[in-house]
Amino acid sequence: MIIPILSLAALGISLGLLLGLAARFFKVEGNPLVEELEALLPGSQCGQCGYPGCTGAAQALADGSAPVTLCPPGGRAVVVALAAKLGVDADLSGVKDAVPSIADVREELCIGCTRCYKVCPTDAILGAAKHIHAVFKEACTACGSCVEVCPTEAILLRPVPPPLQSWGWVKPGAVAAANEGVLAA
């Protein structure tokens, strides 16, 4: 009984040392610019930019083969940060200012077709065939894939409500000024 245990332990230690040495000698250095650009992207891995996740988008940005306006969920803030990092000018005319959003299923319209469930890149939708679906708020990245495939328009992207820690009363003067501006226009 002792001999098999000792032989497996010796085999494990020797293979571990061999893997450690191989990792040290065959290490491939990545582009530090790609890592910095990936840190600026939202990290939702939604694929709306046309690349397989934020790493692919960061690689394309570093190569210069993609515009800095490629990330729809990031909005203007990400475009400005990417342009500053790459030292290029960004045209913000076609970029929407993204607000944090989340998918919401309207239960009265959901028919349980599972189309949204199949296209969700983060598995944020829970449901089964012919049953009402629900969205895991923590996992939803608001990529909009589920909204596009829903045949009954039961899924909407809604703004995330502010948490209690940052919520505050709207100043009455600001609301009145905004209403006057709308009425005057």
C-alpha atoms as a PDB file:
ATOM      1  CA  MET A   1       0.000   0.000   0.000  1.00  0.00           C
ATOM      2  CA  ILE A   2       2.879   2.379   0.721  1.00  0.00           C
ATOM      3  CA  ILE A   3       4.660   1.736  -2.588  1.00  0.00           C
ATOM      4  CA  PRO A   4       1.732   2.845  -4.824  1.00  0.00           C
ATOM      5  CA  ILE A   5       1.220   5.985  -2.716  1.00  0.00           C
ATOM      6  CA  LEU A   6       4.913   6.908  -2.871  1.00  0.00           C
ATOM      7  CA  SER A   7       5.121   6.207  -6.609  1.00  0.00           C
ATOM      8  CA  LEU A   8       2.054   8.402  -7.328  1.00  0.00           C
ATOM      9  CA  ALA A   9       3.419  11.163  -5.105  1.00  0.00           C
ATOM     10  CA  ALA A  10       6.806  11.044  -6.862  1.00  0.00           C
ATOM     11  CA  LEU A  11       5.088  11.059 -10.259  1.00  0.00           C
ATOM     12  CA  GLY A  12       2.939  14.051  -9.266  1.00  0.00           C
ATOM     13  CA  ILE A  13       5.898  16.038  -7.950  1.00  0.00           C
ATOM     14  CA  SER A  14       8.057  15.323 -10.990  1.00  0.00           C
ATOM     15  CA  LEU A  15       5.284  16.203 -13.469  1.00  0.00           C
ATOM     16  CA  GLY A  16       4.491  19.374 -11.512  1.00  0.00           C
ATOM     17  CA  LEU A  17       8.120  20.471 -11.658  1.00  0.00           C
ATOM     18  CA  LEU A  18       8.242  19.647 -15.372  1.00  0.00           C
ATOM     19  CA  LEU A  19       5.126  21.736 -16.052  1.00  0.00           C
ATOM     20  CA  GLY A  20       6.504  24.624 -13.995  1.00  0.00           C
ATOM     21  CA  LEU A  21       9.771  24.622 -15.944  1.00  0.00           C
ATOM     22  CA  ALA A  22       7.907  24.395 -19.269  1.00  0.00           C
ATOM     23  CA  ALA A  23       5.708  27.368 -18.310  1.00  0.00           C
ATOM     24  CA  ARG A  24       8.778  29.429 -17.473  1.00  0.00           C
ATOM     25  CA  PHE A  25      10.798  28.578 -20.603  1.00  0.00           C
ATOM     26  CA  PHE A  26       7.967  28.589 -23.162  1.00  0.00           C
ATOM     27  CA  LYS A  27       6.130  31.649 -21.865  1.00  0.00           C
ATOM     28  CA  VAL A  28       4.709  33.870 -24.616  1.00  0.00           C
ATOM     29  CA  GLU A  29       4.651  37.558 -23.842  1.00  0.00           C
ATOM     30  CA  GLY A  30       1.410  39.262 -24.850  1.00  0.00           C
ATOM     31  CA  ASN A  31       0.947  42.784 -26.112  1.00  0.00           C
ATOM     32  CA  PRO A  32       0.546  45.041 -23.065  1.00  0.00           C
ATOM     33  CA  LEU A  33      -1.544  47.476 -25.141  1.00  0.00           C
ATOM     34  CA  VAL A  34      -4.137  44.744 -25.753  1.00  0.00           C
ATOM     35  CA  GLU A  35      -4.439  44.132 -22.015  1.00  0.00           C
ATOM     36  CA  GLU A  36      -4.847  47.857 -21.311  1.00  0.00           C
ATOM     37  CA  LEU A  37      -7.491  48.236 -24.025  1.00  0.00           C
ATOM     38  CA  GLU A  38      -9.361  45.195 -22.754  1.00  0.00           C
ATOM     39  CA  ALA A  39      -9.435  46.745 -19.286  1.00  0.00           C
ATOM     40  CA  LEU A  40     -11.103  49.852 -20.769  1.00  0.00           C
ATOM     41  CA  LEU A  41     -13.844  47.824 -22.490  1.00  0.00           C
ATOM     42  CA  PRO A  42     -16.947  46.884 -20.474  1.00  0.00           C
ATOM     43  CA  GLY A  43     -16.103  43.166 -20.360  1.00  0.00           C
ATOM     44  CA  SER A  44     -19.620  41.983 -21.188  1.00  0.00           C
ATOM     45  CA  GLN A  45     -18.357  39.626 -23.938  1.00  0.00           C
ATOM     46  CA  CYS A  46     -21.591  40.329 -25.855  1.00  0.00           C
ATOM     47  CA  GLY A  47     -20.164  40.294 -29.383  1.00  0.00           C
ATOM     48  CA  GLN A  48     -22.096  43.377 -30.554  1.00  0.00           C
ATOM     49  CA  CYS A  49     -18.855  44.776 -31.966  1.00  0.00           C
ATOM     50  CA  GLY A  50     -18.478  41.836 -34.340  1.00  0.00           C
ATOM     51  CA  TYR A  51     -15.541  40.283 -32.493  1.00  0.00           C
ATOM     52  CA  PRO A  52     -15.603  37.211 -30.245  1.00  0.00           C
ATOM     53  CA  GLY A  53     -15.560  38.998 -26.911  1.00  0.00           C
ATOM     54  CA  CYS A  54     -13.672  41.957 -25.544  1.00  0.00           C
ATOM     55  CA  THR A  55     -10.258  40.323 -26.043  1.00  0.00           C
ATOM     56  CA  GLY A  56     -10.822  40.043 -29.784  1.00  0.00           C
ATOM     57  CA  ALA A  57     -12.034  43.638 -29.928  1.00  0.00           C
ATOM     58  CA  ALA A  58      -8.985  44.842 -27.979  1.00  0.00           C
ATOM     59  CA  GLN A  59      -6.684  42.937 -30.345  1.00  0.00           C
ATOM     60  CA  ALA A  60      -8.390  44.544 -33.363  1.00  0.00           C
ATOM     61  CA  LEU A  61      -8.078  47.988 -31.767  1.00  0.00           C
ATOM     62  CA  ALA A  62      -4.379  47.452 -31.090  1.00  0.00           C
ATOM     63  CA  ASP A  63      -3.819  46.305 -34.696  1.00  0.00           C
ATOM     64  CA  GLY A  64      -5.642  49.364 -36.001  1.00  0.00           C
ATOM     65  CA  SER A  65      -8.179  47.281 -37.924  1.00  0.00           C
ATOM     66  CA  ALA A  66     -11.196  48.459 -35.892  1.00  0.00           C
ATOM     67  CA  PRO A  67     -12.548  51.931 -35.122  1.00  0.00           C
ATOM     68  CA  VAL A  68     -12.652  53.169 -31.534  1.00  0.00           C
ATOM     69  CA  THR A  69     -16.450  53.411 -31.842  1.00  0.00           C
ATOM     70  CA  LEU A  70     -16.886  49.643 -32.059  1.00  0.00           C
ATOM     71  CA  CYS A  71     -18.409  49.027 -28.588  1.00  0.00           C
ATOM     72  CA  PRO A  72     -22.154  49.878 -28.406  1.00  0.00           C
ATOM     73  CA  PRO A  73     -22.621  48.972 -24.709  1.00  0.00           C
ATOM     74  CA  GLY A  74     -19.692  51.170 -23.696  1.00  0.00           C
ATOM     75  CA  GLY A  75     -21.175  54.370 -25.045  1.00  0.00           C
ATOM     76  CA  ARG A  76     -19.371  57.691 -25.294  1.00  0.00           C
ATOM     77  CA  ALA A  77     -17.255  57.196 -22.175  1.00  0.00           C
ATOM     78  CA  VAL A  78     -15.555  54.081 -23.561  1.00  0.00           C
ATOM     79  CA  VAL A  79     -15.028  55.707 -26.966  1.00  0.00           C
ATOM     80  CA  VAL A  80     -13.357  58.725 -25.367  1.00  0.00           C
ATOM     81  CA  ALA A  81     -11.158  56.518 -23.163  1.00  0.00           C
ATOM     82  CA  LEU A  82     -10.122  54.311 -26.107  1.00  0.00           C
ATOM     83  CA  ALA A  83      -9.360  57.333 -28.290  1.00  0.00           C
ATOM     84  CA  ALA A  84      -7.237  58.874 -25.539  1.00  0.00           C
ATOM     85  CA  LYS A  85      -5.347  55.617 -25.016  1.00  0.00           C
ATOM     86  CA  LEU A  86      -4.672  55.128 -28.728  1.00  0.00           C
ATOM     87  CA  GLY A  87      -4.009  58.801 -29.419  1.00  0.00           C
ATOM     88  CA  VAL A  88      -6.611  59.129 -32.174  1.00  0.00           C
ATOM     89  CA  ASP A  89      -9.562  61.428 -32.726  1.00  0.00           C
ATOM     90  CA  ALA A  90     -13.013  59.941 -32.293  1.00  0.00           C
ATOM     91  CA  ASP A  91     -16.187  60.943 -34.115  1.00  0.00           C
ATOM     92  CA  LEU A  92     -18.857  60.866 -31.413  1.00  0.00           C
ATOM     93  CA  SER A  93     -21.746  61.855 -33.704  1.00  0.00           C
ATOM     94  CA  GLY A  94     -22.942  58.283 -34.250  1.00  0.00           C
ATOM     95  CA  VAL A  95     -22.324  57.045 -30.711  1.00  0.00           C
ATOM     96  CA  LYS A  96     -25.224  56.825 -28.304  1.00  0.00           C
ATOM     97  CA  ASP A  97     -24.606  57.579 -24.670  1.00  0.00           C
ATOM     98  CA  ALA A  98     -25.216  54.207 -23.073  1.00  0.00           C
ATOM     99  CA  VAL A  99     -27.044  53.985 -19.790  1.00  0.00           C
ATOM    100  CA  PRO A 100     -26.839  50.828 -17.707  1.00  0.00           C
ATOM    101  CA  SER A 101     -29.695  48.629 -18.870  1.00  0.00           C
ATOM    102  CA  ILE A 102     -31.081  45.196 -18.177  1.00  0.00           C
ATOM    103  CA  ALA A 103     -33.426  42.874 -20.031  1.00  0.00           C
ATOM    104  CA  ASP A 104     -36.922  42.556 -18.652  1.00  0.00           C
ATOM    105  CA  VAL A 105     -39.495  39.917 -19.655  1.00  0.00           C
ATOM    106  CA  ARG A 106     -43.121  40.988 -19.808  1.00  0.00           C
ATOM    107  CA  GLU A 107     -44.855  37.870 -18.555  1.00  0.00           C
ATOM    108  CA  GLU A 108     -48.191  38.589 -20.218  1.00  0.00           C
ATOM    109  CA  LEU A 109     -46.541  38.426 -23.663  1.00  0.00           C
ATOM    110  CA  CYS A 110     -44.020  35.594 -23.140  1.00  0.00           C
ATOM    111  CA  ILE A 111     -45.043  32.395 -24.962  1.00  0.00           C
ATOM    112  CA  GLY A 112     -42.049  30.311 -23.881  1.00  0.00           C
ATOM    113  CA  CYS A 113     -40.527  29.841 -27.332  1.00  0.00           C
ATOM    114  CA  THR A 114     -36.939  29.637 -25.885  1.00  0.00           C
ATOM    115  CA  ARG A 115     -35.463  31.738 -28.706  1.00  0.00           C
ATOM    116  CA  CYS A 116     -34.118  34.263 -26.198  1.00  0.00           C
ATOM    117  CA  TYR A 117     -32.737  31.486 -24.031  1.00  0.00           C
ATOM    118  CA  LYS A 118     -30.759  30.086 -26.963  1.00  0.00           C
ATOM    119  CA  VAL A 119     -29.109  33.347 -28.064  1.00  0.00           C
ATOM    120  CA  CYS A 120     -28.169  34.773 -24.653  1.00  0.00           C
ATOM    121  CA  PRO A 121     -24.343  34.875 -24.505  1.00  0.00           C
ATOM    122  CA  THR A 122     -24.201  34.906 -20.692  1.00  0.00           C
ATOM    123  CA  ASP A 123     -26.997  32.416 -19.894  1.00  0.00           C
ATOM    124  CA  ALA A 124     -28.876  35.162 -18.080  1.00  0.00           C
ATOM    125  CA  ILE A 125     -32.302  33.877 -19.156  1.00  0.00           C
ATOM    126  CA  LEU A 126     -34.010  31.105 -17.266  1.00  0.00           C
ATOM    127  CA  GLY A 127     -36.852  29.239 -18.872  1.00  0.00           C
ATOM    128  CA  ALA A 128     -38.094  26.159 -20.602  1.00  0.00           C
ATOM    129  CA  ALA A 129     -40.273  25.477 -23.606  1.00  0.00           C
ATOM    130  CA  LYS A 130     -43.843  26.703 -23.143  1.00  0.00           C
ATOM    131  CA  HIS A 131     -43.028  28.302 -19.785  1.00  0.00           C
ATOM    132  CA  ILE A 132     -42.568  31.947 -18.903  1.00  0.00           C
ATOM    133  CA  HIS A 133     -38.948  33.063 -18.926  1.00  0.00           C
ATOM    134  CA  ALA A 134     -37.107  35.192 -16.389  1.00  0.00           C
ATOM    135  CA  VAL A 135     -33.856  37.153 -16.443  1.00  0.00           C
ATOM    136  CA  PHE A 136     -31.033  36.859 -13.922  1.00  0.00           C
ATOM    137  CA  LYS A 137     -30.340  40.541 -13.327  1.00  0.00           C
ATOM    138  CA  GLU A 138     -26.776  39.904 -12.148  1.00  0.00           C
ATOM    139  CA  ALA A 139     -25.812  38.021 -15.315  1.00  0.00           C
ATOM    140  CA  CYS A 140     -27.519  40.228 -17.934  1.00  0.00           C
ATOM    141  CA  THR A 141     -25.156  42.405 -19.969  1.00  0.00           C
ATOM    142  CA  ALA A 142     -27.913  44.211 -21.938  1.00  0.00           C
ATOM    143  CA  CYS A 143     -26.507  43.061 -25.268  1.00  0.00           C
ATOM    144  CA  GLY A 144     -29.978  43.082 -26.861  1.00  0.00           C
ATOM    145  CA  SER A 145     -29.687  39.676 -28.527  1.00  0.00           C
ATOM    146  CA  CYS A 146     -32.818  38.447 -26.791  1.00  0.00           C
ATOM    147  CA  VAL A 147     -34.802  41.538 -27.792  1.00  0.00           C
ATOM    148  CA  GLU A 148     -34.039  41.000 -31.478  1.00  0.00           C
ATOM    149  CA  VAL A 149     -35.200  37.364 -31.593  1.00  0.00           C
ATOM    150  CA  CYS A 150     -38.325  37.610 -29.430  1.00  0.00           C
ATOM    151  CA  PRO A 151     -41.331  37.047 -31.736  1.00  0.00           C
ATOM    152  CA  THR A 152     -43.864  38.630 -29.351  1.00  0.00           C
ATOM    153  CA  GLU A 153     -41.727  41.601 -28.253  1.00  0.00           C
ATOM    154  CA  ALA A 154     -41.986  40.391 -24.662  1.00  0.00           C
ATOM    155  CA  ILE A 155     -38.414  41.420 -23.812  1.00  0.00           C
ATOM    156  CA  LEU A 156     -37.387  45.037 -23.372  1.00  0.00           C
ATOM    157  CA  LEU A 157     -34.157  46.681 -22.288  1.00  0.00           C
ATOM    158  CA  ARG A 158     -34.917  48.925 -19.338  1.00  0.00           C
ATOM    159  CA  PRO A 159     -32.580  51.271 -17.484  1.00  0.00           C
ATOM    160  CA  VAL A 160     -31.211  49.889 -14.236  1.00  0.00           C
ATOM    161  CA  PRO A 161     -32.784  51.745 -11.318  1.00  0.00           C
ATOM    162  CA  PRO A 162     -30.305  53.506  -9.057  1.00  0.00           C
ATOM    163  CA  PRO A 163     -29.426  51.678  -5.839  1.00  0.00           C
ATOM    164  CA  LEU A 164     -30.460  53.125  -2.510  1.00  0.00           C
ATOM    165  CA  GLN A 165     -26.893  54.232  -1.799  1.00  0.00           C
ATOM    166  CA  SER A 166     -26.844  56.650  -4.754  1.00  0.00           C
ATOM    167  CA  TRP A 167     -30.523  57.547  -5.036  1.00  0.00           C
ATOM    168  CA  GLY A 168     -31.582  61.092  -4.305  1.00  0.00           C
ATOM    169  CA  TRP A 169     -34.489  63.445  -4.739  1.00  0.00           C
ATOM    170  CA  VAL A 170     -34.629  65.343  -7.989  1.00  0.00           C
ATOM    171  CA  LYS A 171     -34.375  69.058  -7.356  1.00  0.00           C
ATOM    172  CA  PRO A 172     -37.711  70.762  -8.161  1.00  0.00           C
ATOM    173  CA  GLY A 173     -36.014  73.656  -9.921  1.00  0.00           C
ATOM    174  CA  ALA A 174     -34.198  71.313 -12.318  1.00  0.00           C
ATOM    175  CA  VAL A 175     -37.453  69.530 -13.208  1.00  0.00           C
ATOM    176  CA  ALA A 176     -39.267  72.826 -13.800  1.00  0.00           C
ATOM    177  CA  ALA A 177     -36.422  74.133 -15.993  1.00  0.00           C
ATOM    178  CA  ALA A 178     -36.403  70.922 -18.008  1.00  0.00           C
ATOM    179  CA  ASN A 179     -40.174  71.074 -18.480  1.00  0.00           C
ATOM    180  CA  GLU A 180     -39.990  74.718 -19.612  1.00  0.00           C
ATOM    181  CA  GLY A 181     -37.312  73.795 -22.129  1.00  0.00           C
ATOM    182  CA  VAL A 182     -39.505  71.022 -23.509  1.00  0.00           C
ATOM    183  CA  LEU A 183     -42.556  73.272 -23.701  1.00  0.00           C
ATOM    184  CA  ALA A 184     -40.601  76.059 -25.387  1.00  0.00           C
ATOM    185  CA  ALA A 185     -39.222  73.757 -28.077  1.00  0.00           C
END
